[in-house]
Amino acid sequence: MKISFLENGLDSLKKGIGKLTIYEEELYLKKNKTDHRFFYLKDAILNLHHGIEVLFKYILNKESPYLVFSNINEHVHNGFMQMRQKGCSSIFETESSHKIHTVTYNEAIKRVTKVLGLEISKELGDKLEDLERLRNQITHSEIFFSEQSIHFLFNGLLDELDVFFLKAIGEEYKTLSGYSELRKNYSEYLEFLKKNNLEQLGRVIQNLSDSFDKHGISMGMNDVKVLTDINKAEAIIKALLDSGAILGADFYNGHCSGHLPIIERIDKEHFRIYASDNDANYIFKFKSLLVYLPEIEMKQGPVLYFEASEEEAEEKYSDYIKYRDMTNINVKYVEYMEFEDGKVIISPKDIYRFYEEKENNEYYVMPKYTDVFRFYTKGIFCFINVQPLDIQPFDIDKIVNLDAKTLEVALRRNLNNEYQNFH
């Protein structure tokens, strides 16, 4: 049997992702959860740790086989002699292989960064240390750790690994997502869309791909991903708008729109979505953005789901809170009129006076204003899709009370099914 460093590492990463996927389905999709899911999580940690360690050793070995050994001792000397004598392609094919010690996980990472000078982000470095700590506990003792801390560890880890290994290894590395396939088949995808008179969708895919490259997002076609980093979410939205695509949306308060010319971050935590056909602004606190890219052969554009965080209403609005009872959610919000000069009318009495003056004064010139809906309820706030492509997303009322992670897991499990048949 012969398996190279690269093949060995990629296989373990793939198996780790498989176990992680099963764990997430057990956790998020099953009503009757059992502790058996922890064994899938254990296997995911062990496989991912092994795959990462072996790929770091592959990077070292590619630069120089001497970097892989913990010490250049007599066993290594003998191994190289046997290689030459027997014409072996690797020192690990020789009789000395079982006596030769390679570097540890931590030392491999240190040599890649210190000796080879490859940069690892602080976030990835911290996550790799956490993974080592968990692996050691699993391997050497009883296991006691917070499930929530594991979720934090895996949030963004796979993207970070793909970005690093793709840069360090090159095209030989196959990403954990479909990102490497997107890069490989990029020109063919654009040509396919052009032949089918879908140049607009081609511009969307092109802009998204560029944004993935720039912001370290590992994603391909027939893929789904939750982004909790508001900066990355903002970049994805900008890429869509800059493509010239016309975006439509359904909101969790029952409103819908066929044209969203403005989707922008207005402060550290909030987004504003302007629907021109409603002449209304929709403001919410960001929690995550879920991005779904269908197979290119489906000839359908991406669908995005904004998830809103729950928050308390501002004190100045406390007397004007409204609730709208939808099918699966009771939406808390305030509604007001905002004028070009910044003036706001929110009280029913002031709104009545405004319209009364309009009715009773024939010379009254109504100032331009926009309706504003400010929301405070958590849930899937809206879905956004590219117009007029024939995409049929879920009814918003069926998924509104889910969190984006649960929706991501459900979508991933059903990616091979027809989108419109998923429930």
Protein backbone atom coordinates (compact mmCIF):
# COMPACT_ATOMS: atom_id res chain seq x y z
CA MET A 1 0.00 0.00 0.00
CA LYS A 2 1.29 3.45 -0.89
CA ILE A 3 -0.42 6.72 0.06
CA SER A 4 1.34 10.05 -0.30
CA PHE A 5 1.36 12.87 2.26
CA LEU A 6 -1.07 14.83 0.09
CA GLU A 7 -3.45 11.93 -0.51
CA ASN A 8 -3.35 10.98 3.16
CA GLY A 9 -4.06 14.51 4.36
CA LEU A 10 -6.86 15.20 1.90
CA ASP A 11 -8.52 11.87 2.72
CA SER A 12 -8.53 12.63 6.44
CA LEU A 13 -9.90 16.13 5.89
CA LYS A 14 -12.67 14.73 3.69
CA LYS A 15 -13.57 12.12 6.32
CA GLY A 16 -13.51 14.78 9.02
CA ILE A 17 -15.95 16.93 7.06
CA GLY A 18 -18.17 13.90 6.51
CA LYS A 19 -18.33 13.19 10.24
CA LEU A 20 -18.92 16.87 10.99
CA THR A 21 -21.81 16.90 8.51
CA ILE A 22 -23.44 13.89 10.18
CA TYR A 23 -22.96 15.50 13.60
CA GLU A 24 -24.62 18.72 12.45
CA GLU A 25 -27.57 16.85 10.98
CA GLU A 26 -27.99 14.97 14.27
CA LEU A 27 -27.82 18.22 16.24
CA TYR A 28 -29.88 20.58 14.09
CA LEU A 29 -32.36 18.40 12.21
CA LYS A 30 -33.35 15.62 14.62
CA LYS A 31 -36.11 16.32 17.13
CA ASN A 32 -34.97 13.60 19.53
CA LYS A 33 -31.28 14.31 20.00
CA THR A 34 -29.03 11.74 21.66
CA ASP A 35 -25.49 11.81 23.00
CA HIS A 36 -24.49 9.51 20.15
CA ARG A 37 -23.81 12.63 18.08
CA PHE A 38 -20.73 13.30 20.24
CA PHE A 39 -18.98 10.29 18.70
CA TYR A 40 -19.37 11.84 15.23
CA LEU A 41 -17.93 15.06 16.64
CA LYS A 42 -15.03 13.14 18.19
CA ASP A 43 -14.24 11.48 14.85
CA ALA A 44 -14.49 14.83 13.07
CA ILE A 45 -11.92 16.37 15.42
CA LEU A 46 -9.51 13.43 15.12
CA ASN A 47 -9.73 13.24 11.32
CA LEU A 48 -9.40 16.98 10.79
CA HIS A 49 -6.44 17.18 13.17
CA HIS A 50 -4.71 14.32 11.36
CA GLY A 51 -5.41 15.78 7.93
CA ILE A 52 -4.07 19.19 8.93
CA GLU A 53 -0.91 17.70 10.48
CA VAL A 54 -0.15 15.59 7.41
CA LEU A 55 -0.73 18.48 5.00
CA PHE A 56 1.64 20.70 6.97
CA LYS A 57 4.21 17.91 6.71
CA TYR A 58 3.51 17.72 2.97
CA ILE A 59 4.34 21.42 2.68
CA LEU A 60 7.59 20.87 4.59
CA ASN A 61 8.51 17.78 2.57
CA LYS A 62 7.86 19.62 -0.67
CA GLU A 63 10.40 22.26 0.37
CA SER A 64 12.91 19.78 1.80
CA PRO A 65 12.44 16.25 3.19
CA TYR A 66 14.86 17.12 6.01
CA LEU A 67 12.26 19.55 7.45
CA VAL A 68 9.88 16.68 8.20
CA PHE A 69 12.18 14.86 10.65
CA SER A 70 12.22 15.69 14.34
CA ASN A 71 15.96 14.91 14.38
CA ILE A 72 18.52 14.07 11.70
CA ASN A 73 19.90 11.00 13.49
CA GLU A 74 21.42 7.63 12.60
CA HIS A 75 18.05 6.19 11.57
CA VAL A 76 17.54 9.00 9.06
CA HIS A 77 21.10 8.50 7.75
CA ASN A 78 20.46 4.80 7.26
CA GLY A 79 17.12 5.48 5.62
CA PHE A 80 18.67 7.70 2.95
CA MET A 81 21.39 5.14 2.32
CA GLN A 82 18.75 2.43 1.83
CA MET A 83 16.83 4.74 -0.53
CA ARG A 84 19.83 5.06 -2.81
CA GLN A 85 20.70 1.38 -2.63
CA LYS A 86 17.18 0.11 -3.36
CA GLY A 87 16.01 2.92 -5.60
CA CYS A 88 13.12 3.87 -3.31
CA SER A 89 11.19 7.06 -4.01
CA SER A 90 10.67 7.84 -0.31
CA ILE A 91 12.57 7.27 2.90
CA PHE A 92 9.35 5.89 4.33
CA GLU A 93 9.62 2.93 1.94
CA THR A 94 12.85 1.75 3.59
CA GLU A 95 13.40 -0.69 6.44
CA SER A 96 14.32 2.24 8.70
CA SER A 97 10.95 3.95 8.30
CA HIS A 98 9.52 2.66 11.59
CA LYS A 99 12.50 4.12 13.48
CA ILE A 100 12.27 7.57 11.91
CA HIS A 101 10.29 10.19 13.84
CA THR A 102 8.62 13.07 12.07
CA VAL A 103 7.79 16.41 13.69
CA THR A 104 4.73 16.88 15.86
CA TYR A 105 1.60 18.77 14.82
CA ASN A 106 2.73 21.93 16.62
CA GLU A 107 6.31 21.70 15.35
CA ALA A 108 5.10 21.20 11.76
CA ILE A 109 3.03 24.37 12.00
CA LYS A 110 5.95 26.24 13.59
CA ARG A 111 8.39 25.17 10.85
CA VAL A 112 5.98 26.12 8.08
CA THR A 113 5.59 29.61 9.55
CA LYS A 114 9.08 30.23 10.99
CA VAL A 115 11.32 28.36 8.55
CA LEU A 116 9.34 28.64 5.32
CA GLY A 117 7.87 32.02 6.19
CA LEU A 118 4.28 31.20 5.26
CA GLU A 119 1.81 33.40 7.10
CA ILE A 120 -1.04 32.04 9.19
CA SER A 121 -3.68 34.45 10.44
CA LYS A 122 -4.02 34.85 14.20
CA GLU A 123 -7.57 33.50 13.97
CA LEU A 124 -6.42 30.33 12.20
CA GLY A 125 -3.45 29.95 14.53
CA ASP A 126 -5.72 30.13 17.58
CA LYS A 127 -8.13 27.60 16.10
CA LEU A 128 -5.30 25.18 15.28
CA GLU A 129 -4.14 25.39 18.91
CA ASP A 130 -7.67 24.72 20.15
CA LEU A 131 -7.97 21.74 17.81
CA GLU A 132 -4.72 20.30 19.20
CA ARG A 133 -5.99 20.69 22.76
CA LEU A 134 -9.23 18.88 21.93
CA ARG A 135 -7.43 16.12 20.05
CA ASN A 136 -5.12 15.52 23.03
CA GLN A 137 -8.03 15.24 25.42
CA ILE A 138 -9.83 12.80 23.12
CA THR A 139 -6.69 10.70 22.63
CA HIS A 140 -5.38 10.59 26.18
CA SER A 141 -8.26 10.97 28.64
CA GLU A 142 -11.95 11.13 29.30
CA ILE A 143 -13.63 13.86 27.28
CA PHE A 144 -15.11 16.96 28.88
CA PHE A 145 -15.62 20.02 26.74
CA SER A 146 -18.30 22.55 25.88
CA GLU A 147 -20.25 21.72 22.74
CA GLN A 148 -20.69 25.45 22.14
CA SER A 149 -16.91 25.96 22.19
CA ILE A 150 -16.60 23.35 19.42
CA HIS A 151 -19.12 25.25 17.32
CA PHE A 152 -17.05 28.40 17.80
CA LEU A 153 -13.92 26.49 16.75
CA PHE A 154 -15.46 25.21 13.51
CA ASN A 155 -17.05 28.56 12.62
CA GLY A 156 -14.85 29.79 9.78
CA LEU A 157 -12.16 27.11 10.29
CA LEU A 158 -12.79 25.32 7.00
CA ASP A 159 -12.63 28.58 5.04
CA GLU A 160 -9.35 29.48 6.75
CA LEU A 161 -7.87 26.05 5.98
CA ASP A 162 -8.92 26.17 2.33
CA VAL A 163 -7.47 29.64 1.84
CA PHE A 164 -4.18 28.73 3.51
CA PHE A 165 -3.64 25.31 1.92
CA LEU A 166 -4.66 26.50 -1.55
CA LYS A 167 -2.06 29.25 -1.32
CA ALA A 168 0.63 27.02 0.23
CA ILE A 169 0.08 23.88 -1.88
CA GLY A 170 -1.44 25.22 -5.08
CA GLU A 171 -3.81 23.54 -7.50
CA GLU A 172 -2.92 20.09 -6.17
CA TYR A 173 -4.98 20.94 -3.12
CA LYS A 174 -8.69 20.20 -3.49
CA THR A 175 -10.72 22.52 -1.29
CA LEU A 176 -13.14 21.22 1.32
CA SER A 177 -15.89 23.18 -0.44
CA GLY A 178 -16.54 23.35 -4.18
CA TYR A 179 -14.32 26.43 -4.47
CA SER A 180 -11.47 24.67 -6.30
CA GLU A 181 -13.98 23.30 -8.83
CA LEU A 182 -15.39 26.80 -9.31
CA ARG A 183 -11.91 28.11 -10.06
CA LYS A 184 -11.09 25.17 -12.33
CA ASN A 185 -14.32 25.39 -14.36
CA TYR A 186 -14.81 29.15 -14.14
CA SER A 187 -14.37 29.90 -17.87
CA GLU A 188 -16.60 26.96 -18.84
CA TYR A 189 -19.33 28.19 -16.48
CA LEU A 190 -19.30 31.66 -18.03
CA GLU A 191 -19.37 30.21 -21.56
CA PHE A 192 -22.31 27.95 -20.63
CA LEU A 193 -24.27 30.91 -19.26
CA LYS A 194 -23.49 33.02 -22.33
CA LYS A 195 -24.79 30.30 -24.65
CA ASN A 196 -28.01 30.21 -22.63
CA ASN A 197 -28.47 34.01 -22.76
CA LEU A 198 -27.73 34.33 -19.05
CA GLU A 199 -24.94 36.89 -19.21
CA GLN A 200 -26.37 38.66 -16.16
CA LEU A 201 -26.01 35.51 -14.09
CA GLY A 202 -22.48 35.22 -15.45
CA ARG A 203 -21.67 38.69 -14.10
CA VAL A 204 -23.14 37.69 -10.74
CA ILE A 205 -20.98 34.54 -10.57
CA GLN A 206 -17.93 36.50 -11.71
CA ASN A 207 -18.39 39.16 -9.01
CA LEU A 208 -19.07 36.59 -6.30
CA SER A 209 -16.00 34.58 -7.29
CA ASP A 210 -13.84 37.71 -7.12
CA SER A 211 -15.30 38.51 -3.70
CA PHE A 212 -14.60 34.95 -2.49
CA ASP A 213 -10.96 35.39 -3.55
CA LYS A 214 -10.57 38.77 -1.90
CA HIS A 215 -12.24 37.95 1.40
CA GLY A 216 -11.17 34.36 2.00
CA ILE A 217 -14.53 32.69 1.44
CA SER A 218 -14.32 29.08 0.26
CA MET A 219 -17.47 28.27 -1.67
CA GLY A 220 -18.45 26.78 -5.01
CA MET A 221 -21.52 25.95 -7.06
CA ASN A 222 -24.12 23.65 -5.51
CA ASP A 223 -22.90 24.92 -2.15
CA VAL A 224 -24.31 26.66 0.90
CA LYS A 225 -22.55 28.65 3.60
CA VAL A 226 -23.39 30.77 6.64
CA LEU A 227 -21.29 33.90 7.11
CA THR A 228 -21.29 35.34 10.62
CA ASP A 229 -18.61 37.92 9.81
CA ILE A 230 -20.52 41.10 8.99
CA ASN A 231 -17.61 42.41 6.90
CA LYS A 232 -17.72 39.36 4.63
CA ALA A 233 -21.51 39.57 4.42
CA GLU A 234 -21.23 43.22 3.41
CA ALA A 235 -18.71 42.29 0.72
CA ILE A 236 -20.99 39.61 -0.76
CA ILE A 237 -23.92 42.02 -0.91
CA LYS A 238 -21.75 44.66 -2.58
CA ALA A 239 -20.56 42.10 -5.15
CA LEU A 240 -24.16 41.28 -6.05
CA LEU A 241 -25.21 44.92 -6.38
CA ASP A 242 -22.10 45.85 -8.37
CA SER A 243 -22.90 43.10 -10.88
CA GLY A 244 -25.92 45.12 -11.98
CA ALA A 245 -28.33 42.41 -10.84
CA ILE A 246 -31.85 43.42 -9.86
CA LEU A 247 -32.58 41.89 -6.48
CA GLY A 248 -35.95 40.98 -5.02
CA ALA A 249 -36.92 39.90 -1.51
CA ASP A 250 -39.59 38.58 0.82
CA PHE A 251 -39.47 39.84 4.42
CA TYR A 252 -40.60 38.10 7.59
CA ASN A 253 -43.28 40.74 8.24
CA GLY A 254 -45.11 39.72 5.04
CA HIS A 255 -43.78 42.47 2.79
CA CYS A 256 -42.17 41.67 -0.56
CA SER A 257 -40.26 43.64 -3.17
CA GLY A 258 -39.06 43.20 -6.73
CA HIS A 259 -36.30 45.79 -6.57
CA LEU A 260 -33.72 46.42 -3.85
CA PRO A 261 -31.34 49.10 -5.18
CA ILE A 262 -29.80 49.66 -1.74
CA ILE A 263 -28.63 47.09 0.79
CA GLU A 264 -26.10 48.70 3.07
CA ARG A 265 -24.54 48.42 6.47
CA ILE A 266 -25.46 51.53 8.45
CA ASP A 267 -23.40 50.96 11.59
CA LYS A 268 -21.43 48.28 13.42
CA GLU A 269 -24.36 45.84 13.65
CA HIS A 270 -27.25 46.94 11.43
CA PHE A 271 -28.25 46.76 7.78
CA ARG A 272 -30.73 48.87 5.85
CA ILE A 273 -32.57 47.44 2.87
CA TYR A 274 -34.37 49.91 0.62
CA ALA A 275 -37.23 48.56 -1.52
CA SER A 276 -37.89 51.08 -4.29
CA ASP A 277 -41.27 49.65 -5.28
CA ASN A 278 -42.47 50.02 -1.67
CA ASP A 279 -40.49 53.23 -1.12
CA ALA A 280 -39.59 51.78 2.26
CA ASN A 281 -36.51 51.08 4.36
CA TYR A 282 -36.20 47.87 6.39
CA ILE A 283 -33.68 48.01 9.23
CA PHE A 284 -32.51 45.04 11.33
CA LYS A 285 -29.63 43.86 13.49
CA PHE A 286 -27.35 41.45 11.61
CA LYS A 287 -26.64 37.97 12.94
CA SER A 288 -25.61 36.09 9.79
CA LEU A 289 -25.95 35.80 6.03
CA LEU A 290 -26.62 32.42 4.42
CA VAL A 291 -25.55 32.13 0.77
CA TYR A 292 -26.87 29.37 -1.50
CA LEU A 293 -25.39 28.84 -4.98
CA PRO A 294 -27.30 26.33 -7.15
CA GLU A 295 -25.66 24.04 -9.69
CA ILE A 296 -24.72 26.00 -12.79
CA GLU A 297 -26.86 23.66 -14.94
CA MET A 298 -29.96 24.80 -13.02
CA LYS A 299 -29.55 28.23 -14.68
CA GLN A 300 -30.68 29.91 -11.49
CA GLY A 301 -29.14 32.68 -9.48
CA PRO A 302 -27.96 32.66 -5.88
CA VAL A 303 -30.34 33.03 -2.96
CA LEU A 304 -29.31 34.84 0.20
CA TYR A 305 -30.95 34.71 3.61
CA PHE A 306 -30.37 37.42 6.18
CA GLU A 307 -30.73 36.29 9.79
CA ALA A 308 -31.68 38.98 12.31
CA SER A 309 -30.63 39.14 15.95
CA GLU A 310 -33.08 39.95 18.70
CA GLU A 311 -32.62 43.29 20.41
CA GLU A 312 -34.43 45.73 22.66
CA ALA A 313 -36.16 48.71 21.10
CA GLU A 314 -34.62 52.13 21.57
CA GLU A 315 -36.15 54.05 24.45
CA LYS A 316 -37.37 56.81 22.13
CA TYR A 317 -39.49 54.23 20.29
CA SER A 318 -40.78 52.36 23.35
CA ASP A 319 -44.26 53.92 23.20
CA TYR A 320 -44.71 53.01 19.54
CA ILE A 321 -43.90 49.29 19.48
CA LYS A 322 -46.10 47.21 17.19
CA TYR A 323 -46.47 43.46 16.71
CA ARG A 324 -47.45 41.59 13.58
CA ASP A 325 -48.53 38.02 14.14
CA MET A 326 -47.35 35.99 11.15
CA THR A 327 -47.80 32.24 10.62
CA ASN A 328 -44.78 31.14 12.68
CA ILE A 329 -43.54 34.32 14.28
CA ASN A 330 -44.73 37.43 16.09
CA VAL A 331 -42.71 40.28 14.58
CA LYS A 332 -41.83 43.20 16.85
CA TYR A 333 -41.17 46.50 15.09
CA VAL A 334 -41.75 50.23 14.89
CA GLU A 335 -42.95 52.09 11.81
CA TYR A 336 -42.35 55.74 11.08
CA MET A 337 -42.09 58.34 8.32
CA GLU A 338 -38.64 59.79 7.62
CA PHE A 339 -38.33 63.00 5.60
CA GLU A 340 -35.46 64.25 3.46
CA ASP A 341 -34.47 66.82 6.09
CA GLY A 342 -34.12 64.07 8.71
CA LYS A 343 -37.40 64.81 10.46
CA VAL A 344 -39.27 61.76 11.77
CA ILE A 345 -42.98 61.35 12.41
CA ILE A 346 -43.87 58.29 14.44
CA SER A 347 -46.82 59.02 16.75
CA PRO A 348 -50.31 58.23 15.39
CA LYS A 349 -51.42 61.73 16.34
CA ASP A 350 -48.68 63.41 14.31
CA ILE A 351 -49.27 61.12 11.35
CA TYR A 352 -52.99 61.96 11.47
CA ARG A 353 -52.21 65.70 11.49
CA PHE A 354 -49.84 65.27 8.56
CA TYR A 355 -52.49 63.64 6.38
CA GLU A 356 -55.23 65.97 7.64
CA GLU A 357 -53.26 68.97 6.45
CA LYS A 358 -52.74 67.29 3.11
CA GLU A 359 -56.49 66.71 2.75
CA ASN A 360 -57.65 70.14 3.92
CA ASN A 361 -55.05 72.38 2.30
CA GLU A 362 -55.20 72.34 -1.47
CA TYR A 363 -51.96 74.33 -1.68
CA TYR A 364 -50.05 71.98 0.57
CA VAL A 365 -46.93 70.54 -1.05
CA MET A 366 -46.20 67.17 0.48
CA PRO A 367 -42.53 66.81 1.36
CA LYS A 368 -40.80 63.65 0.20
CA TYR A 369 -40.63 60.95 2.82
CA THR A 370 -39.89 57.24 3.12
CA ASP A 371 -41.61 54.66 5.28
CA VAL A 372 -39.20 53.03 7.71
CA PHE A 373 -39.69 49.66 9.40
CA ARG A 374 -37.29 49.00 12.27
CA PHE A 375 -37.31 45.37 13.48
CA TYR A 376 -36.33 43.74 16.79
CA THR A 377 -37.31 40.07 16.42
CA LYS A 378 -34.76 37.33 15.73
CA GLY A 379 -35.19 34.86 12.86
CA ILE A 380 -34.74 34.58 9.10
CA PHE A 381 -35.38 38.23 8.29
CA CYS A 382 -35.66 37.89 4.51
CA PHE A 383 -34.52 35.98 1.48
CA ILE A 384 -33.00 37.82 -1.47
CA ASN A 385 -32.81 36.48 -5.01
CA VAL A 386 -31.72 37.69 -8.43
CA GLN A 387 -34.52 38.94 -10.68
CA PRO A 388 -35.95 37.77 -13.07
CA LEU A 389 -34.22 34.37 -12.92
CA ASP A 390 -36.59 31.51 -12.24
CA ILE A 391 -35.69 30.71 -8.66
CA GLN A 392 -38.32 29.40 -6.27
CA PRO A 393 -37.09 29.82 -2.71
CA PHE A 394 -38.86 28.59 0.38
CA ASP A 395 -41.89 30.49 1.58
CA ILE A 396 -40.46 32.84 4.17
CA ASP A 397 -43.13 31.91 6.71
CA LYS A 398 -41.96 28.26 6.65
CA ILE A 399 -38.39 29.05 7.71
CA VAL A 400 -38.71 32.33 9.58
CA ASN A 401 -38.32 30.82 13.05
CA LEU A 402 -35.22 28.79 12.14
CA ASP A 403 -31.69 29.96 12.72
CA ALA A 404 -29.39 30.23 9.72
CA LYS A 405 -27.19 27.33 10.81
CA THR A 406 -30.16 24.95 10.91
CA LEU A 407 -31.23 26.16 7.48
CA GLU A 408 -27.68 25.69 6.17
CA VAL A 409 -27.55 22.09 7.41
CA ALA A 410 -30.99 21.34 5.94
CA LEU A 411 -30.07 22.87 2.58
CA ARG A 412 -26.76 21.04 2.43
CA ARG A 413 -28.48 17.71 3.06
CA ASN A 414 -30.84 18.37 0.19
CA LEU A 415 -28.52 19.95 -2.37
CA ASN A 416 -28.98 17.04 -4.75
CA ASN A 417 -32.76 17.41 -4.73
CA GLU A 418 -34.83 19.89 -6.68
CA TYR A 419 -34.74 23.15 -4.73
CA GLN A 420 -38.46 23.75 -4.98
CA ASN A 421 -39.26 20.28 -3.61
CA PHE A 422 -37.33 20.78 -0.39
CA HIS A 423 -39.36 21.12 2.82
